Amino acid sequence: MGLIEFNKLPINTLVGADWHTFKSITAGRRVDPHWRSKYLLTKGICRLLSTLAPIQDKRYAKRLANQPMEQDPVFILGHWRSGTTFVHNVLSCDKSFGYCTTYQTVFPHLMMFGQPFFKKNMSWLMPDKRPTDNMELAVDLPQEEEFALSNMMPYTYYNFWFYPEYQEEYCDKYMLFEGISPEELRVWEETFTKMIKISLWNTGGTRFLSKNPPHTGRVKELVKMFPNAKFIYLMRNPYTVFESTRSFFTNTIQPLKLQEFSNERIEENILKIYAKLYHKYEADKAAIPAGNLIEVKFEDFEADALGMTEKIYSTLGLGGWDEARTAIEQYVGSKRGYKKNKYNYEARTRQLVEENWQFALDQWGYKL
């Protein structure tokens, strides 16, 4: 159990941003009085820590910047709460994979310098389980890289955690890349590549394993950057996804936001953005070369994680299954009996999902 409860954090994750990113994200944005002290404390710590960022920049330029990646990444796609974390944790047992760690998401500029000190303090302070479910949480465990990217540049969807009033704007521009400028896109590509190389260096992997729901809306760009990337797309019962996402966003946003935002608005945005992400993926998945995409129902993966993982390896031609199987089997076995949240769908949930997401129910064949 960490020293500080997640929902009582006196700062938010922008403490690990470089100063340019912090200033760009917060410029012209309203901070409501209730969160003014959190903003000021976060700003002060960020300003102090950002003075160390040039040390990493120099080391990155010298050691990694010009090093080519051995293989294109594997991307785990799907809406939030579609089971992407479990699949990520399973596949990351394969030591050939590298990934973004929880520590890296908060302190992406303190990876090649000062990591032992800052990691020890972060581990001491943070909770050992995620606040919205029972999944383990630790500094070295795999994590979605959008959090790291939000501390490395201002062009990410996860700015909405701090300024939820602009969630749809961030969605359209920085998750779906609609209206993003060529310069912003260039910075996004360069920053993402840098983050991948540091992740591989940090974890010792030779191939980057990504779990990042916002990438579901960036398929065309990812294929352009990595022509032989592999994609795993997860589907899950939309009724479960709605209730789980509502719980996740409502709880997670509390210690991160800097302005008031109602639970009703969160719910409205979930309904809208799910549809946008679904249709963007469906429109763009044809850009993925034949043999590089597998679509999986999470319920099938959950029922037979080992068998479905072997199928993923075989379908995508990942290689290394025999070497990875033992570690994956041990991890899957350790999760038997894991108690996840259970959902008894309210009539209102059924109505909202059927009114807004019937397309997904129909395509994937989900019924109550």
Protein backbone atom coordinates (compact mmCIF):
# COMPACT_ATOMS: atom_id res chain seq x y z
CA MET A 1 0.00 0.00 0.00
CA GLY A 2 1.47 3.35 -1.00
CA LEU A 3 1.93 6.21 1.38
CA ILE A 4 -0.52 8.43 -0.52
CA GLU A 5 -3.94 7.35 -1.76
CA PHE A 6 -4.43 7.94 -5.48
CA ASN A 7 -7.48 10.15 -5.02
CA LYS A 8 -5.62 12.35 -2.52
CA LEU A 9 -2.55 13.14 -4.60
CA PRO A 10 -1.43 16.75 -3.95
CA ILE A 11 0.01 16.96 -7.48
CA ASN A 12 -0.87 15.50 -10.86
CA THR A 13 1.25 13.62 -13.38
CA LEU A 14 2.42 16.79 -15.14
CA VAL A 15 5.20 16.96 -12.52
CA GLY A 16 7.24 14.81 -14.90
CA ALA A 17 6.78 16.98 -17.99
CA ASP A 18 9.52 19.04 -19.54
CA TRP A 19 9.00 22.75 -19.04
CA HIS A 20 8.07 23.50 -22.66
CA THR A 21 5.39 20.80 -22.63
CA PHE A 22 3.98 21.99 -19.30
CA LYS A 23 3.75 25.58 -20.49
CA SER A 24 2.18 24.59 -23.81
CA ILE A 25 -0.47 22.35 -22.26
CA THR A 26 -1.48 24.86 -19.59
CA ALA A 27 -1.26 28.06 -21.67
CA GLY A 28 -4.61 29.80 -21.84
CA ARG A 29 -6.41 27.08 -19.89
CA ARG A 30 -8.55 27.88 -16.87
CA VAL A 31 -7.61 26.39 -13.51
CA ASP A 32 -10.55 26.39 -11.11
CA PRO A 33 -9.93 27.72 -7.57
CA HIS A 34 -10.34 24.33 -5.89
CA TRP A 35 -7.34 22.96 -7.82
CA ARG A 36 -5.20 26.07 -7.79
CA SER A 37 -2.86 24.77 -5.09
CA LYS A 38 -2.44 21.45 -6.93
CA TYR A 39 -1.61 23.32 -10.11
CA LEU A 40 0.95 25.54 -8.38
CA LEU A 41 2.65 22.64 -6.57
CA THR A 42 2.75 20.59 -9.78
CA LYS A 43 4.14 23.56 -11.67
CA GLY A 44 6.85 24.17 -9.06
CA ILE A 45 8.03 20.56 -8.98
CA CYS A 46 7.88 20.33 -12.77
CA ARG A 47 10.00 23.47 -13.12
CA LEU A 48 12.61 22.01 -10.79
CA LEU A 49 12.74 18.52 -12.30
CA SER A 50 12.70 19.80 -15.87
CA THR A 51 16.15 21.29 -15.32
CA LEU A 52 17.42 17.68 -15.42
CA ALA A 53 15.85 16.89 -18.80
CA PRO A 54 18.83 18.14 -20.86
CA ILE A 55 21.01 15.46 -19.25
CA GLN A 56 18.85 12.73 -20.73
CA ASP A 57 18.56 14.56 -24.04
CA LYS A 58 22.35 14.51 -24.41
CA ARG A 59 22.59 10.84 -23.48
CA TYR A 60 19.78 9.94 -25.84
CA ALA A 61 21.40 11.82 -28.71
CA LYS A 62 24.69 10.06 -28.08
CA ARG A 63 23.48 6.50 -27.45
CA LEU A 64 20.08 5.93 -29.02
CA ALA A 65 18.93 8.59 -31.46
CA ASN A 66 20.72 7.13 -34.48
CA GLN A 67 20.19 3.49 -33.56
CA PRO A 68 17.62 1.78 -35.83
CA MET A 69 14.90 -0.37 -34.29
CA GLU A 70 15.37 -4.07 -34.97
CA GLN A 71 11.67 -4.77 -35.56
CA ASP A 72 8.46 -2.81 -35.98
CA PRO A 73 6.24 -2.69 -32.88
CA VAL A 74 3.26 -4.81 -31.86
CA PHE A 75 0.24 -2.63 -31.06
CA ILE A 76 -2.57 -3.74 -28.73
CA LEU A 77 -5.62 -1.71 -29.71
CA GLY A 78 -9.13 -1.35 -28.34
CA HIS A 79 -11.29 1.03 -26.37
CA TRP A 80 -10.50 1.59 -22.70
CA ARG A 81 -11.65 -1.27 -20.46
CA SER A 82 -11.62 -3.78 -23.33
CA GLY A 83 -9.05 -5.98 -21.63
CA THR A 84 -5.97 -4.38 -23.16
CA THR A 85 -4.09 -4.26 -19.84
CA PHE A 86 -4.41 -8.00 -19.22
CA VAL A 87 -3.30 -8.84 -22.76
CA HIS A 88 -0.39 -6.40 -22.40
CA ASN A 89 0.72 -8.00 -19.14
CA VAL A 90 0.49 -11.49 -20.64
CA LEU A 91 2.51 -10.70 -23.76
CA SER A 92 5.10 -8.68 -21.84
CA CYS A 93 6.19 -11.91 -20.14
CA ASP A 94 8.00 -12.55 -23.42
CA LYS A 95 11.42 -11.05 -22.71
CA SER A 96 11.95 -10.15 -26.36
CA PHE A 97 9.36 -7.41 -25.90
CA GLY A 98 10.15 -4.01 -24.51
CA TYR A 99 7.50 -1.65 -23.17
CA CYS A 100 6.80 1.62 -21.45
CA THR A 101 6.83 1.21 -17.65
CA THR A 102 4.64 2.95 -15.10
CA TYR A 103 7.67 4.92 -13.91
CA GLN A 104 8.39 6.06 -17.46
CA THR A 105 4.85 7.40 -17.88
CA VAL A 106 5.39 9.89 -15.06
CA PHE A 107 9.11 10.62 -15.49
CA PRO A 108 9.95 10.06 -19.17
CA HIS A 109 12.81 12.58 -18.96
CA LEU A 110 14.42 10.83 -15.98
CA MET A 111 15.03 7.44 -17.57
CA MET A 112 18.69 7.64 -18.53
CA PHE A 113 19.60 9.72 -15.50
CA GLY A 114 18.43 9.50 -11.86
CA GLN A 115 16.06 6.61 -12.36
CA PRO A 116 17.05 4.57 -9.25
CA PHE A 117 16.47 7.51 -6.90
CA PHE A 118 13.19 8.72 -8.40
CA LYS A 119 11.85 5.21 -8.92
CA LYS A 120 12.46 4.32 -5.28
CA ASN A 121 10.53 7.37 -4.09
CA MET A 122 7.71 6.83 -6.57
CA SER A 123 7.39 3.19 -5.48
CA TRP A 124 7.22 4.27 -1.86
CA LEU A 125 4.43 6.77 -2.51
CA MET A 126 2.21 5.04 -5.09
CA PRO A 127 -0.57 2.49 -4.34
CA ASP A 128 0.05 -1.15 -5.24
CA LYS A 129 -3.25 -1.58 -7.08
CA ARG A 130 -5.07 0.52 -9.64
CA PRO A 131 -7.79 2.65 -8.03
CA THR A 132 -10.55 1.43 -10.34
CA ASP A 133 -9.95 -2.33 -10.32
CA ASN A 134 -7.75 -4.97 -8.72
CA MET A 135 -4.97 -4.99 -11.31
CA GLU A 136 -1.50 -4.70 -9.83
CA LEU A 137 0.37 -1.40 -10.04
CA ALA A 138 4.14 -1.06 -9.72
CA VAL A 139 6.87 1.17 -11.12
CA ASP A 140 8.33 -1.45 -13.48
CA LEU A 141 5.10 -2.96 -14.78
CA PRO A 142 3.96 -2.28 -18.37
CA GLN A 143 1.81 0.80 -18.82
CA GLU A 144 0.13 2.64 -21.70
CA GLU A 145 2.48 5.12 -23.28
CA GLU A 146 -0.01 7.95 -23.81
CA PHE A 147 0.71 9.05 -20.24
CA ALA A 148 4.43 9.26 -21.04
CA LEU A 149 3.77 11.08 -24.29
CA SER A 150 1.63 13.65 -22.46
CA ASN A 151 4.73 14.57 -20.45
CA MET A 152 6.94 14.76 -23.55
CA MET A 153 4.85 16.96 -25.89
CA PRO A 154 1.60 18.93 -25.88
CA TYR A 155 -0.01 16.97 -28.73
CA THR A 156 -1.72 14.08 -26.93
CA TYR A 157 -5.26 13.05 -26.14
CA TYR A 158 -4.47 12.66 -22.45
CA ASN A 159 -4.37 16.41 -21.96
CA PHE A 160 -8.06 15.91 -21.22
CA TRP A 161 -7.24 14.44 -17.81
CA PHE A 162 -6.09 17.92 -16.78
CA TYR A 163 -8.53 19.98 -18.85
CA PRO A 164 -11.64 17.83 -19.40
CA GLU A 165 -13.62 20.70 -20.93
CA TYR A 166 -11.53 20.17 -24.07
CA GLN A 167 -11.85 16.39 -24.24
CA GLU A 168 -13.59 16.29 -27.61
CA GLU A 169 -11.13 18.76 -29.09
CA TYR A 170 -8.18 16.68 -27.88
CA CYS A 171 -9.90 13.57 -29.20
CA ASP A 172 -10.41 14.89 -32.71
CA LYS A 173 -7.03 16.54 -33.11
CA TYR A 174 -4.63 14.36 -31.15
CA MET A 175 -6.27 10.92 -31.14
CA LEU A 176 -7.96 10.85 -34.55
CA PHE A 177 -5.44 13.29 -36.08
CA GLU A 178 -8.22 15.33 -37.68
CA GLY A 179 -7.00 18.90 -38.08
CA ILE A 180 -3.54 18.27 -36.67
CA SER A 181 -0.93 20.44 -38.38
CA PRO A 182 2.01 18.92 -40.29
CA GLU A 183 4.41 20.36 -37.72
CA GLU A 184 2.46 18.92 -34.80
CA LEU A 185 2.36 15.54 -36.53
CA ARG A 186 6.12 15.66 -37.16
CA VAL A 187 6.76 16.36 -33.48
CA TRP A 188 4.37 13.56 -32.52
CA GLU A 189 6.20 11.05 -34.74
CA GLU A 190 9.65 12.06 -33.48
CA THR A 191 8.58 12.05 -29.83
CA PHE A 192 6.88 8.67 -30.12
CA THR A 193 9.96 7.17 -31.77
CA LYS A 194 12.16 8.59 -29.03
CA MET A 195 9.91 7.15 -26.34
CA ILE A 196 10.00 3.71 -27.99
CA LYS A 197 13.80 3.67 -28.20
CA ILE A 198 14.16 4.66 -24.54
CA SER A 199 11.59 2.00 -23.56
CA LEU A 200 13.54 -0.70 -25.40
CA TRP A 201 16.80 0.47 -23.85
CA ASN A 202 15.21 0.48 -20.40
CA THR A 203 13.58 -2.96 -20.54
CA GLY A 204 16.14 -4.74 -22.69
CA GLY A 205 13.63 -5.76 -25.32
CA THR A 206 14.19 -5.91 -29.06
CA ARG A 207 10.59 -5.24 -30.13
CA PHE A 208 8.26 -2.63 -28.66
CA LEU A 209 4.96 -3.87 -27.26
CA SER A 210 2.39 -1.09 -27.15
CA LYS A 211 -0.85 -1.00 -25.16
CA ASN A 212 -2.45 2.36 -25.80
CA PRO A 213 -6.18 2.81 -26.49
CA PRO A 214 -5.66 6.18 -28.27
CA HIS A 215 -3.64 4.37 -30.95
CA THR A 216 -6.91 2.75 -32.05
CA GLY A 217 -7.64 6.04 -33.82
CA ARG A 218 -4.15 6.34 -35.35
CA VAL A 219 -3.88 3.15 -37.40
CA LYS A 220 -3.01 4.88 -40.70
CA GLU A 221 -0.27 6.93 -39.08
CA LEU A 222 1.18 3.91 -37.27
CA VAL A 223 1.29 1.87 -40.50
CA LYS A 224 3.00 4.79 -42.23
CA MET A 225 5.62 4.94 -39.50
CA PHE A 226 6.00 1.17 -39.10
CA PRO A 227 4.95 -0.66 -42.32
CA ASN A 228 5.38 -4.14 -40.82
CA ALA A 229 3.84 -3.42 -37.41
CA LYS A 230 1.51 -6.05 -35.98
CA PHE A 231 -1.89 -5.18 -34.53
CA ILE A 232 -4.08 -6.92 -31.95
CA TYR A 233 -7.56 -5.41 -31.73
CA LEU A 234 -9.68 -6.28 -28.70
CA MET A 235 -13.46 -6.27 -28.62
CA ARG A 236 -15.49 -6.57 -25.42
CA ASN A 237 -19.15 -6.53 -24.44
CA PRO A 238 -20.19 -2.87 -24.93
CA TYR A 239 -22.42 -2.93 -21.85
CA THR A 240 -19.40 -3.87 -19.73
CA VAL A 241 -17.15 -1.40 -21.52
CA PHE A 242 -19.57 1.46 -20.87
CA GLU A 243 -19.96 0.85 -17.14
CA SER A 244 -16.28 0.06 -16.64
CA THR A 245 -15.12 3.09 -18.62
CA ARG A 246 -17.51 5.35 -16.73
CA SER A 247 -16.11 4.08 -13.43
CA PHE A 248 -12.50 4.31 -14.65
CA PHE A 249 -12.77 7.84 -16.05
CA THR A 250 -14.86 9.17 -13.15
CA ASN A 251 -12.37 7.91 -10.57
CA THR A 252 -9.11 8.49 -12.41
CA ILE A 253 -9.87 12.06 -13.42
CA GLN A 254 -10.41 13.26 -9.84
CA PRO A 255 -6.74 13.63 -8.78
CA LEU A 256 -5.61 14.77 -12.24
CA LYS A 257 -8.09 17.43 -13.32
CA LEU A 258 -7.52 21.13 -12.83
CA GLN A 259 -11.06 22.27 -13.56
CA GLU A 260 -14.54 21.19 -12.57
CA PHE A 261 -16.25 18.68 -14.81
CA SER A 262 -19.46 16.86 -14.03
CA ASN A 263 -19.96 13.10 -14.09
CA GLU A 264 -22.79 13.67 -16.55
CA ARG A 265 -20.38 15.31 -19.01
CA ILE A 266 -17.93 12.45 -18.58
CA GLU A 267 -20.69 10.03 -19.47
CA GLU A 268 -21.74 12.06 -22.53
CA ASN A 269 -18.16 12.16 -23.78
CA ILE A 270 -17.69 8.42 -23.32
CA LEU A 271 -20.70 7.75 -25.50
CA LYS A 272 -19.53 10.13 -28.24
CA ILE A 273 -15.84 9.22 -28.25
CA TYR A 274 -16.45 5.46 -28.25
CA ALA A 275 -18.40 5.87 -31.49
CA LYS A 276 -15.72 8.10 -33.03
CA LEU A 277 -12.96 5.64 -32.15
CA TYR A 278 -14.94 2.63 -33.36
CA HIS A 279 -15.72 4.16 -36.75
CA LYS A 280 -12.19 5.52 -37.24
CA TYR A 281 -10.69 2.09 -36.63
CA GLU A 282 -13.20 0.38 -38.90
CA ALA A 283 -12.46 2.90 -41.67
CA ASP A 284 -8.68 2.68 -41.37
CA LYS A 285 -7.93 -0.97 -40.57
CA ALA A 286 -7.78 -1.77 -44.29
CA ALA A 287 -4.43 0.07 -44.28
CA ILE A 288 -2.93 -2.77 -42.23
CA PRO A 289 -1.17 -5.28 -44.51
CA ALA A 290 -2.67 -8.76 -44.76
CA GLY A 291 -1.48 -11.02 -41.96
CA ASN A 292 -0.59 -8.16 -39.61
CA LEU A 293 -3.94 -7.85 -37.80
CA ILE A 294 -5.86 -10.15 -35.48
CA GLU A 295 -9.19 -9.21 -33.90
CA VAL A 296 -9.99 -10.94 -30.61
CA LYS A 297 -12.98 -10.96 -28.31
CA PHE A 298 -11.69 -10.36 -24.79
CA GLU A 299 -14.15 -12.89 -23.43
CA ASP A 300 -12.41 -15.55 -25.56
CA PHE A 301 -8.99 -14.42 -24.40
CA GLU A 302 -10.09 -14.41 -20.77
CA ALA A 303 -11.49 -17.93 -21.05
CA ASP A 304 -8.27 -19.37 -22.54
CA ALA A 305 -5.47 -16.83 -22.23
CA LEU A 306 -2.69 -19.30 -23.02
CA GLY A 307 -4.42 -20.78 -26.05
CA MET A 308 -5.43 -17.38 -27.42
CA THR A 309 -1.92 -16.02 -26.91
CA GLU A 310 -0.50 -18.90 -28.91
CA LYS A 311 -3.06 -18.12 -31.63
CA ILE A 312 -1.95 -14.48 -31.65
CA TYR A 313 1.68 -15.51 -32.07
CA SER A 314 0.81 -17.91 -34.89
CA THR A 315 -1.57 -15.57 -36.76
CA LEU A 316 0.80 -12.61 -36.66
CA GLY A 317 3.95 -14.67 -37.20
CA LEU A 318 5.59 -13.18 -34.11
CA GLY A 319 8.01 -16.02 -33.52
CA GLY A 320 9.55 -17.02 -30.20
CA TRP A 321 6.47 -18.77 -28.81
CA ASP A 322 8.39 -21.81 -27.56
CA GLU A 323 10.82 -19.58 -25.65
CA ALA A 324 8.07 -17.38 -24.19
CA ARG A 325 5.48 -20.03 -23.37
CA THR A 326 6.73 -21.02 -19.90
CA ALA A 327 6.80 -17.47 -18.53
CA ILE A 328 3.42 -16.69 -20.06
CA GLU A 329 1.91 -19.88 -18.69
CA GLN A 330 3.21 -19.09 -15.20
CA TYR A 331 1.74 -15.57 -15.32
CA VAL A 332 -1.62 -16.78 -16.58
CA GLY A 333 -1.69 -19.43 -13.86
CA SER A 334 -0.96 -16.84 -11.18
CA LYS A 335 -4.04 -14.88 -12.23
CA ARG A 336 -6.50 -17.73 -11.81
CA GLY A 337 -9.00 -16.74 -9.16
CA TYR A 338 -8.39 -13.03 -9.74
CA LYS A 339 -11.52 -11.14 -8.69
CA LYS A 340 -12.51 -8.52 -11.19
CA ASN A 341 -15.32 -6.02 -10.91
CA LYS A 342 -18.75 -7.43 -11.62
CA TYR A 343 -21.44 -5.43 -13.37
CA ASN A 344 -25.18 -5.77 -13.03
CA TYR A 345 -26.37 -3.62 -15.89
CA GLU A 346 -28.96 -1.06 -14.93
CA ALA A 347 -31.87 -0.44 -17.27
CA ARG A 348 -30.40 2.99 -18.02
CA THR A 349 -27.08 1.42 -19.06
CA ARG A 350 -28.84 -0.91 -21.45
CA GLN A 351 -30.79 1.99 -22.91
CA LEU A 352 -27.74 4.23 -23.40
CA VAL A 353 -25.64 1.50 -24.99
CA GLU A 354 -28.42 0.38 -27.32
CA GLU A 355 -29.23 3.95 -28.34
CA ASN A 356 -25.63 4.95 -28.95
CA TRP A 357 -23.59 1.80 -29.68
CA GLN A 358 -26.00 -0.55 -31.44
CA PHE A 359 -23.53 -0.78 -34.33
CA ALA A 360 -21.02 -2.54 -32.06
CA LEU A 361 -23.62 -4.87 -30.56
CA ASP A 362 -24.68 -5.88 -34.05
CA GLN A 363 -21.22 -6.31 -35.56
CA TRP A 364 -19.74 -8.29 -32.69
CA GLY A 365 -22.88 -10.22 -31.78
CA TYR A 366 -23.18 -9.19 -28.16
CA LYS A 367 -26.50 -9.67 -26.39
CA LEU A 368 -27.67 -9.49 -22.79
